[in-house]
Structure formats: C-alpha cells, structure tokens
C-alpha cells in the first residue's frame, strides 16, 4: 500500500469530499480522484461512493479510514516527540561515572543541567573504571566518565579534565605537618588502597613502580572513595586520593594533605563513548556543562 495514496484517501475521508480534500492538500481534484482510483485498484476494493454532494465511505472505506487515522496520528506523535527532543523538552541521558567522578563531580554537573532542562531524564550509573567501560560496551550507558586508562581501540576516548592526586592522612598521623617528603618514605607507613580495577588504584600502582617500591605495608583495600576517606579519618593509615573527593574534609580539617617532594601528580580524566554512536540531542548541552565545571574544578598540569 502506497502511503502517499493512503494520505490522500485519509484527507478525503476527513474532509468528506474530494473538492474539500483537494483544497486541503493543494492539488487538483482530478489528481485526488486519480490517486484514490489507484489505491482502490491496488486493494481490489471500492473505498468511496461518489454522491451529488461529496462522497460516502463504503464498508471497506470505513475500515481503512479508521486504520489511516491511527497511522497518521502515530506519525504526528512521532514528529512531536522528535521536535521535543530537538528542543530539549524531553529525552533521556544514560551516564556512567567512575567512583570519584560519579560521586563528587558529575552530581554537581547533573544538578546544574537539571535546573536548565528539568524534563530530561538522567540516569547515572556509578562504578569503578572497569565497570563503567563494561556498561559502555554493553549499551547500559551512552557516555562514560572515567579516571583510569582506556586503551581499547573499540572506544572513542577524549580527555576532558586533569585531576590532581594527593596523599591524605588523619590530622593525628605522625607525618602530618612535617612538610614535603619523598613518596618512598610514605610507603613505610600503613596505607589504605582502592580495589583493583579502579582508576585511583591504577595511579597508585604507577606511583609505586616509579618509586621502585616492591614491598609495602598496604594491607587494607576498600571499594569506594568514601570508605577510604572514613578509614583514613579513623587513623587506618595514609591514602592516595583524588583532590576532587576530599575538598570538604581538607577545608574542615578532618583530613590533612601530606605534601610530596617534586612536581604535583596529575592524571587525565577521560570521556568514553562507542565509535560513531549517535548521542541524544540532550547530550550536547550536558557536555557543555561538563566543560564548564571542568574549567572550575580541574587542575593544571603545567
């Protein structure tokens, strides 16, 4: 069935006559009649009975008119939904964030974006870097924000911010207030580690390798930045943490920073998507918000 012919038939059925339908469609009456005739021939049924004043739908015409109304109503609704998407009146964003970003950076971005676009549904999945990449791979999220490496050629990866890693301790720790010291000296003390698969653990392992540390007393592994912070506050040891995650604790004095000798330790924070993925229209203003907050909170490695 030709949808153009069906649209002409629908116009005739709604208008109640060929003349009025031709005016609505802005085509000639003979053209309308011809397309109705082609449709009837294709179906092998008479759809209209011509009368002195207009037309009357046959039984077959009434049945087809009912389906035609529904078909074009659905098409109209689809156009309205897509228009809403273009104008950001509706839609859904599925975002993945590794622990530090998902708990401390992205919520602020999401809150600001929600204030501008309250009808956009946002779903945030938080896990370590490996779990976020898995969510991207299996389509559970559209955009991932991670703090670890993503070398797999199956993804589009772009740096959106630099993050500074710092050593934190309880204010009562023996090293608090002693000034800058080499990293290998810190390794002589008990430390709290993040779990394997996290970006922070990956960075910690790189620091250990760079310092030539083979043996250490790191015997406490916890699965979230919040758990690490609380353990350190209770005197469990030192920890390497993202500066993003400890701003409040450093301000209120429940944690202190142990300065390291040498330049600050920075890492790249990455935005990850599947190659050639068509992102929802709402993704673009959201990413603009990410860029704004990156400039506010990101560190400068220079």
Protein backbone atom coordinates (compact mmCIF):
# COMPACT_ATOMS: atom_id res chain seq x y z
CA UNK A 1 0.00 0.00 0.00
CA UNK A 2 1.40 3.37 -1.03
CA UNK A 3 1.41 5.71 1.98
CA UNK A 4 1.06 8.78 -0.22
CA UNK A 5 -2.14 7.37 -1.72
CA UNK A 6 -3.30 6.47 1.78
CA UNK A 7 -2.66 10.05 2.93
CA UNK A 8 -4.81 11.37 0.07
CA UNK A 9 -7.59 8.91 0.96
CA UNK A 10 -7.33 9.96 4.63
CA UNK A 11 -7.72 13.61 3.64
CA UNK A 12 -10.85 12.77 1.59
CA UNK A 13 -12.31 10.72 4.45
CA UNK A 14 -11.68 13.51 6.98
CA UNK A 15 -12.88 16.32 4.69
CA UNK A 16 -15.94 14.40 3.48
CA UNK A 17 -15.38 15.17 -0.16
CA UNK A 18 -12.84 15.28 -2.97
CA UNK A 19 -13.17 19.04 -3.53
CA UNK A 20 -12.51 19.93 0.09
CA UNK A 21 -9.63 17.39 0.24
CA UNK A 22 -8.02 18.87 -2.87
CA UNK A 23 -8.14 22.33 -1.27
CA UNK A 24 -6.57 20.98 1.93
CA UNK A 25 -3.86 19.10 0.01
CA UNK A 26 -3.42 21.91 -2.54
CA UNK A 27 -3.64 19.57 -5.51
CA UNK A 28 -6.27 19.38 -8.24
CA UNK A 29 -9.50 17.42 -7.92
CA UNK A 30 -8.60 15.14 -10.85
CA UNK A 31 -5.27 14.35 -9.16
CA UNK A 32 -7.07 13.41 -5.94
CA UNK A 33 -9.57 11.25 -7.81
CA UNK A 34 -6.80 9.54 -9.74
CA UNK A 35 -4.84 8.63 -6.62
CA UNK A 36 -7.95 7.26 -4.93
CA UNK A 37 -8.60 5.18 -8.02
CA UNK A 38 -5.04 3.82 -7.99
CA UNK A 39 -5.46 2.88 -4.31
CA UNK A 40 -8.76 1.12 -4.97
CA UNK A 41 -7.22 -0.80 -7.87
CA UNK A 42 -4.27 -1.84 -5.69
CA UNK A 43 -6.61 -3.10 -2.96
CA UNK A 44 -9.22 -4.55 -5.28
CA UNK A 45 -11.96 -2.78 -3.29
CA UNK A 46 -14.19 0.25 -3.68
CA UNK A 47 -13.48 2.74 -0.93
CA UNK A 48 -15.71 5.71 -1.90
CA UNK A 49 -19.16 6.10 -3.39
CA UNK A 50 -19.50 9.37 -5.29
CA UNK A 51 -22.65 11.30 -4.44
CA UNK A 52 -24.09 14.61 -5.67
CA UNK A 53 -22.76 16.31 -2.57
CA UNK A 54 -19.44 14.76 -1.61
CA UNK A 55 -18.62 11.11 -1.10
CA UNK A 56 -19.65 8.30 1.19
CA UNK A 57 -17.27 5.72 2.58
CA UNK A 58 -18.05 2.13 1.74
CA UNK A 59 -17.67 -0.51 4.43
CA UNK A 60 -14.13 -1.16 3.22
CA UNK A 61 -13.52 2.59 3.15
CA UNK A 62 -14.67 2.97 6.75
CA UNK A 63 -12.34 0.20 7.90
CA UNK A 64 -9.39 1.66 6.01
CA UNK A 65 -10.19 5.19 7.21
CA UNK A 66 -10.00 4.00 10.82
CA UNK A 67 -6.56 2.48 10.27
CA UNK A 68 -5.43 5.54 8.31
CA UNK A 69 -6.41 7.86 11.15
CA UNK A 70 -4.39 5.79 13.61
CA UNK A 71 -1.38 5.54 11.30
CA UNK A 72 -1.16 9.28 10.72
CA UNK A 73 -1.90 10.08 14.36
CA UNK A 74 1.09 7.92 15.37
CA UNK A 75 3.24 9.62 12.73
CA UNK A 76 2.20 13.02 14.07
CA UNK A 77 3.01 11.97 17.62
CA UNK A 78 6.41 10.76 16.48
CA UNK A 79 7.13 14.12 14.89
CA UNK A 80 6.08 15.89 18.10
CA UNK A 81 8.36 13.70 20.23
CA UNK A 82 11.30 14.30 17.90
CA UNK A 83 10.58 18.02 17.96
CA UNK A 84 10.62 17.85 21.76
CA UNK A 85 13.96 16.10 21.61
CA UNK A 86 15.35 18.80 19.37
CA UNK A 87 14.08 21.48 21.72
CA UNK A 88 15.15 19.50 24.85
CA UNK A 89 11.60 19.22 26.22
CA UNK A 90 12.00 15.50 26.71
CA UNK A 91 14.59 12.75 26.37
CA UNK A 92 16.89 10.57 28.42
CA UNK A 93 20.62 10.60 29.15
CA UNK A 94 22.37 7.49 30.45
CA UNK A 95 25.70 8.36 32.01
CA UNK A 96 28.39 6.25 33.62
CA UNK A 97 30.85 7.64 36.14
CA UNK A 98 33.79 6.04 37.91
CA UNK A 99 33.73 6.38 41.68
CA UNK A 100 35.49 9.71 42.12
CA UNK A 101 33.69 11.34 39.22
CA UNK A 102 30.34 9.67 39.76
CA UNK A 103 30.18 10.64 43.43
CA UNK A 104 31.89 14.03 43.53
CA UNK A 105 31.96 15.71 40.11
CA UNK A 106 29.07 14.51 37.97
CA UNK A 107 26.31 15.11 40.57
CA UNK A 108 27.07 18.84 40.50
CA UNK A 109 27.02 18.89 36.70
CA UNK A 110 23.76 16.90 36.65
CA UNK A 111 22.11 19.24 39.18
CA UNK A 112 23.03 22.30 37.11
CA UNK A 113 21.85 20.66 33.88
CA UNK A 114 18.60 19.55 35.54
CA UNK A 115 17.93 23.12 36.58
CA UNK A 116 18.04 24.17 32.92
CA UNK A 117 16.29 21.09 31.49
CA UNK A 118 14.04 19.60 34.21
CA UNK A 119 12.12 17.34 31.81
CA UNK A 120 15.22 15.45 30.64
CA UNK A 121 15.55 12.15 32.49
CA UNK A 122 19.12 11.43 33.62
CA UNK A 123 20.30 8.04 34.81
CA UNK A 124 23.76 7.86 36.41
CA UNK A 125 25.49 4.51 36.90
CA UNK A 126 28.47 4.65 39.27
CA UNK A 127 31.19 2.01 39.50
CA UNK A 128 34.92 1.66 39.12
CA UNK A 129 36.59 2.34 35.79
CA UNK A 130 36.32 -1.25 34.58
CA UNK A 131 32.58 -1.41 35.32
CA UNK A 132 31.93 1.88 33.51
CA UNK A 133 33.73 0.63 30.40
CA UNK A 134 31.69 -2.57 30.61
CA UNK A 135 28.49 -0.50 30.80
CA UNK A 136 29.51 1.41 27.67
CA UNK A 137 30.38 -1.80 25.83
CA UNK A 138 27.01 -3.39 26.63
CA UNK A 139 24.95 -0.27 25.96
CA UNK A 140 23.79 0.41 29.54
CA UNK A 141 25.20 3.93 29.33
CA UNK A 142 25.80 6.27 26.40
CA UNK A 143 28.70 8.30 27.80
CA UNK A 144 31.25 7.25 30.40
CA UNK A 145 33.50 9.44 32.52
CA UNK A 146 36.47 7.60 33.95
CA UNK A 147 39.72 8.25 35.81
CA UNK A 148 41.66 5.22 34.57
CA UNK A 149 43.13 4.22 31.24
CA UNK A 150 41.08 3.04 28.30
CA UNK A 151 43.46 1.77 25.65
CA UNK A 152 40.96 -0.45 23.86
CA UNK A 153 40.56 0.57 20.21
CA UNK A 154 36.86 -0.21 20.45
CA UNK A 155 36.13 3.19 22.08
CA UNK A 156 36.39 6.89 21.35
CA UNK A 157 38.35 8.41 24.23
CA UNK A 158 38.84 12.13 24.90
CA UNK A 159 40.41 13.90 27.86
CA UNK A 160 38.02 16.40 29.43
CA UNK A 161 39.94 17.37 32.58
CA UNK A 162 43.11 16.90 34.61
CA UNK A 163 42.88 15.69 38.20
CA UNK A 164 45.50 16.03 40.94
CA UNK A 165 46.24 13.04 43.15
CA UNK A 166 47.27 13.83 46.71
CA UNK A 167 48.26 11.91 49.82
CA UNK A 168 45.80 12.28 52.69
CA UNK A 169 46.04 11.44 56.38
CA UNK A 170 44.32 11.95 59.70
CA UNK A 171 45.38 15.18 61.46
CA UNK A 172 46.85 12.93 64.18
CA UNK A 173 49.10 10.99 61.81
CA UNK A 174 52.85 11.12 62.66
CA UNK A 175 53.66 12.62 59.24
CA UNK A 176 51.08 15.42 59.48
CA UNK A 177 52.73 18.83 59.42
CA UNK A 178 56.26 17.59 58.69
CA UNK A 179 56.47 19.14 55.25
CA UNK A 180 57.20 17.61 51.83
CA UNK A 181 58.72 14.15 51.73
CA UNK A 182 59.61 11.52 49.11
CA UNK A 183 56.95 9.05 48.14
CA UNK A 184 59.03 6.02 49.11
CA UNK A 185 59.08 7.24 52.72
CA UNK A 186 55.28 7.23 52.80
CA UNK A 187 55.34 3.59 51.80
CA UNK A 188 56.92 2.73 55.15
CA UNK A 189 53.58 3.52 56.78
CA UNK A 190 50.27 1.69 56.60
CA UNK A 191 48.14 2.80 53.67
CA UNK A 192 44.56 2.33 52.55
CA UNK A 193 44.17 1.21 48.93
CA UNK A 194 41.33 1.27 46.43
CA UNK A 195 40.33 -2.01 44.77
CA UNK A 196 41.85 -3.37 41.56
CA UNK A 197 40.03 -2.01 38.54
CA UNK A 198 39.69 1.50 39.95
CA UNK A 199 41.46 4.43 38.32
CA UNK A 200 42.89 5.58 41.65
CA UNK A 201 44.40 2.15 42.30
CA UNK A 202 45.89 2.17 38.83
CA UNK A 203 47.50 5.54 39.53
CA UNK A 204 48.77 4.33 42.93
CA UNK A 205 50.37 1.29 41.33
CA UNK A 206 52.10 3.58 38.83
CA UNK A 207 53.48 5.72 41.67
CA UNK A 208 54.81 2.62 43.44
CA UNK A 209 56.50 1.42 40.27
CA UNK A 210 58.03 4.85 39.63
CA UNK A 211 59.37 4.97 43.20
CA UNK A 212 60.81 1.46 42.90
CA UNK A 213 58.76 0.21 45.83
CA UNK A 214 58.36 -3.56 45.78
CA UNK A 215 57.30 -4.24 49.35
CA UNK A 216 54.98 -2.12 51.45
CA UNK A 217 52.54 -2.33 54.33
CA UNK A 218 49.40 -1.69 52.31
CA UNK A 219 47.08 -4.31 53.73
CA UNK A 220 43.71 -2.52 53.66
CA UNK A 221 41.72 -2.42 50.41
CA UNK A 222 38.36 -0.62 50.25
CA UNK A 223 35.90 -0.32 47.39
CA UNK A 224 34.95 3.37 47.33
CA UNK A 225 36.48 6.83 47.90
CA UNK A 226 34.08 7.43 50.78
CA UNK A 227 35.16 4.25 52.55
CA UNK A 228 38.82 5.18 52.06
CA UNK A 229 38.27 8.65 53.50
CA UNK A 230 36.46 7.36 56.58
CA UNK A 231 39.14 4.76 57.25
CA UNK A 232 41.88 7.38 56.98
CA UNK A 233 39.98 9.74 59.28
CA UNK A 234 39.86 6.94 61.86
CA UNK A 235 43.62 6.53 61.71
CA UNK A 236 43.86 3.46 59.45
CA UNK A 237 46.78 4.96 57.53
CA UNK A 238 47.62 7.13 54.56
CA UNK A 239 45.86 7.06 51.20
CA UNK A 240 46.26 8.45 47.70
CA UNK A 241 43.05 10.21 46.70
CA UNK A 242 41.67 12.48 44.03
CA UNK A 243 41.67 16.09 45.15
CA UNK A 244 38.07 16.24 43.92
CA UNK A 245 36.96 13.81 46.61
CA UNK A 246 38.44 15.47 49.70
CA UNK A 247 37.78 19.20 49.26
CA UNK A 248 35.31 19.39 52.15
CA UNK A 249 37.40 17.27 54.52
CA UNK A 250 40.51 19.35 53.86
CA UNK A 251 38.51 22.53 54.46
CA UNK A 252 37.02 21.36 57.76
CA UNK A 253 40.28 19.79 58.99
CA UNK A 254 39.11 16.18 59.34
CA UNK A 255 41.80 15.24 56.80
CA UNK A 256 45.17 16.79 56.03
CA UNK A 257 47.34 16.69 52.96
CA UNK A 258 50.80 15.17 53.16
CA UNK A 259 52.85 17.08 50.56
CA UNK A 260 55.21 15.17 48.28
CA UNK A 261 58.58 16.30 47.05
CA UNK A 262 58.72 17.02 43.39
CA UNK A 263 56.03 18.16 40.96
CA UNK A 264 52.32 17.51 41.61
CA UNK A 265 50.90 14.19 40.42
CA UNK A 266 48.25 14.69 37.75
CA UNK A 267 46.21 12.25 35.73
CA UNK A 268 43.87 12.58 32.80
CA UNK A 269 40.13 12.19 33.29
CA UNK A 270 38.52 10.71 30.21
CA UNK A 271 35.21 10.79 28.40
CA UNK A 272 34.45 7.50 26.65
CA UNK A 273 31.83 6.57 24.03
CA UNK A 274 31.40 3.89 21.43
CA UNK A 275 32.73 4.93 17.99
CA UNK A 276 30.20 6.58 15.68
CA UNK A 277 27.49 6.45 18.36
CA UNK A 278 24.72 8.95 17.70
CA UNK A 279 24.23 10.74 21.01
CA UNK A 280 20.84 12.09 22.09
CA UNK A 281 20.31 15.84 21.48
CA UNK A 282 20.40 16.43 25.23
CA UNK A 283 23.97 15.11 25.37
CA UNK A 284 25.43 18.20 23.72
CA UNK A 285 24.29 20.83 26.27
CA UNK A 286 25.18 18.34 29.02
CA UNK A 287 28.73 18.06 27.69
CA UNK A 288 28.90 21.86 27.61
CA UNK A 289 28.07 21.81 31.32
CA UNK A 290 30.84 19.23 31.87
CA UNK A 291 33.28 21.57 30.15
CA UNK A 292 32.22 24.50 32.35
CA UNK A 293 32.70 22.51 35.55
CA UNK A 294 35.98 21.07 34.26
CA UNK A 295 37.37 24.58 33.98
CA UNK A 296 36.20 25.30 37.53
CA UNK A 297 37.43 22.15 39.27
CA UNK A 298 40.17 20.73 37.05
CA UNK A 299 43.84 21.07 37.91
CA UNK A 300 46.55 22.41 35.62
CA UNK A 301 49.45 20.00 34.99
CA UNK A 302 51.68 22.73 33.58
